[in-house]
C-alpha atoms as a PDB file:
ATOM      1  CA  MET A   1      25.896 -11.781   3.852  1.00  0.00           C
ATOM      2  CA  ARG A   2      24.914 -11.839   0.189  1.00  0.00           C
ATOM      3  CA  LEU A   3      21.361 -11.605  -1.023  1.00  0.00           C
ATOM      4  CA  THR A   4      20.191 -14.083  -3.636  1.00  0.00           C
ATOM      5  CA  ILE A   5      17.672 -13.426  -6.388  1.00  0.00           C
ATOM      6  CA  ILE A   6      14.901 -14.915  -4.234  1.00  0.00           C
ATOM      7  CA  ASP A   7      15.686 -12.395  -1.494  1.00  0.00           C
ATOM      8  CA  TRP A   8      15.465  -9.494  -3.955  1.00  0.00           C
ATOM      9  CA  ILE A   9      12.161 -10.811  -5.324  1.00  0.00           C
ATOM     10  CA  VAL A  10      10.687 -10.982  -1.807  1.00  0.00           C
ATOM     11  CA  ILE A  11      11.927  -7.465  -0.998  1.00  0.00           C
ATOM     12  CA  GLY A  12      10.559  -6.113  -4.292  1.00  0.00           C
ATOM     13  CA  ALA A  13       7.189  -7.823  -3.771  1.00  0.00           C
ATOM     14  CA  TYR A  14       6.961  -6.380  -0.266  1.00  0.00           C
ATOM     15  CA  PHE A  15       7.551  -2.829  -1.483  1.00  0.00           C
ATOM     16  CA  ALA A  16       5.215  -3.283  -4.456  1.00  0.00           C
ATOM     17  CA  LEU A  17       2.463  -4.521  -2.136  1.00  0.00           C
ATOM     18  CA  ASN A  18       2.936  -1.540   0.183  1.00  0.00           C
ATOM     19  CA  LEU A  19       2.882   0.904  -2.730  1.00  0.00           C
ATOM     20  CA  GLY A  20      -0.253  -0.739  -4.107  1.00  0.00           C
ATOM     21  CA  ILE A  21      -2.026  -0.450  -0.764  1.00  0.00           C
ATOM     22  CA  GLY A  22      -0.909   3.163  -0.445  1.00  0.00           C
ATOM     23  CA  PHE A  23      -2.166   4.147  -3.895  1.00  0.00           C
ATOM     24  CA  TYR A  24      -5.459   2.332  -3.308  1.00  0.00           C
ATOM     25  CA  TYR A  25      -6.178   4.236  -0.103  1.00  0.00           C
ATOM     26  CA  LYS A  26      -4.878   7.495  -1.576  1.00  0.00           C
ATOM     27  CA  ALA A  27      -7.438   7.235  -4.368  1.00  0.00           C
ATOM     28  CA  ARG A  28     -10.166   6.215  -1.948  1.00  0.00           C
ATOM     29  CA  ALA A  29      -9.410   9.048   0.490  1.00  0.00           C
ATOM     30  CA  GLY A  30      -9.447  11.581  -2.337  1.00  0.00           C
ATOM     31  CA  LYS A  31     -13.145  11.028  -3.036  1.00  0.00           C
ATOM     32  CA  SER A  32     -14.438  13.180  -0.195  1.00  0.00           C
ATOM     33  CA  VAL A  33     -13.472  14.733   3.115  1.00  0.00           C
ATOM     34  CA  SER A  34     -15.478  12.170   5.094  1.00  0.00           C
ATOM     35  CA  GLU A  35     -13.668   9.333   3.290  1.00  0.00           C
ATOM     36  CA  PHE A  36     -10.379  10.924   4.307  1.00  0.00           C
ATOM     37  CA  PHE A  37     -11.174  11.516   7.969  1.00  0.00           C
ATOM     38  CA  LEU A  38     -13.455   8.558   8.661  1.00  0.00           C
ATOM     39  CA  SER A  39     -11.712   6.018   6.375  1.00  0.00           C
ATOM     40  CA  GLY A  40     -15.027   5.253   4.752  1.00  0.00           C
ATOM     41  CA  ARG A  41     -16.299   3.816   8.044  1.00  0.00           C
ATOM     42  CA  TRP A  42     -15.124   0.343   7.072  1.00  0.00           C
ATOM     43  CA  TRP A  43     -14.915  -0.755  10.682  1.00  0.00           C
END
């Protein structure tokens, strides 16, 4: 099975989205200890 350019774009977008989410929450959790342990109480 060969992957086309569309397949690689979808795979790249998926990983970019996951990295973006990870960096967003890393920065948010770094603000304080309660942000880290309680996730900012967003629920």
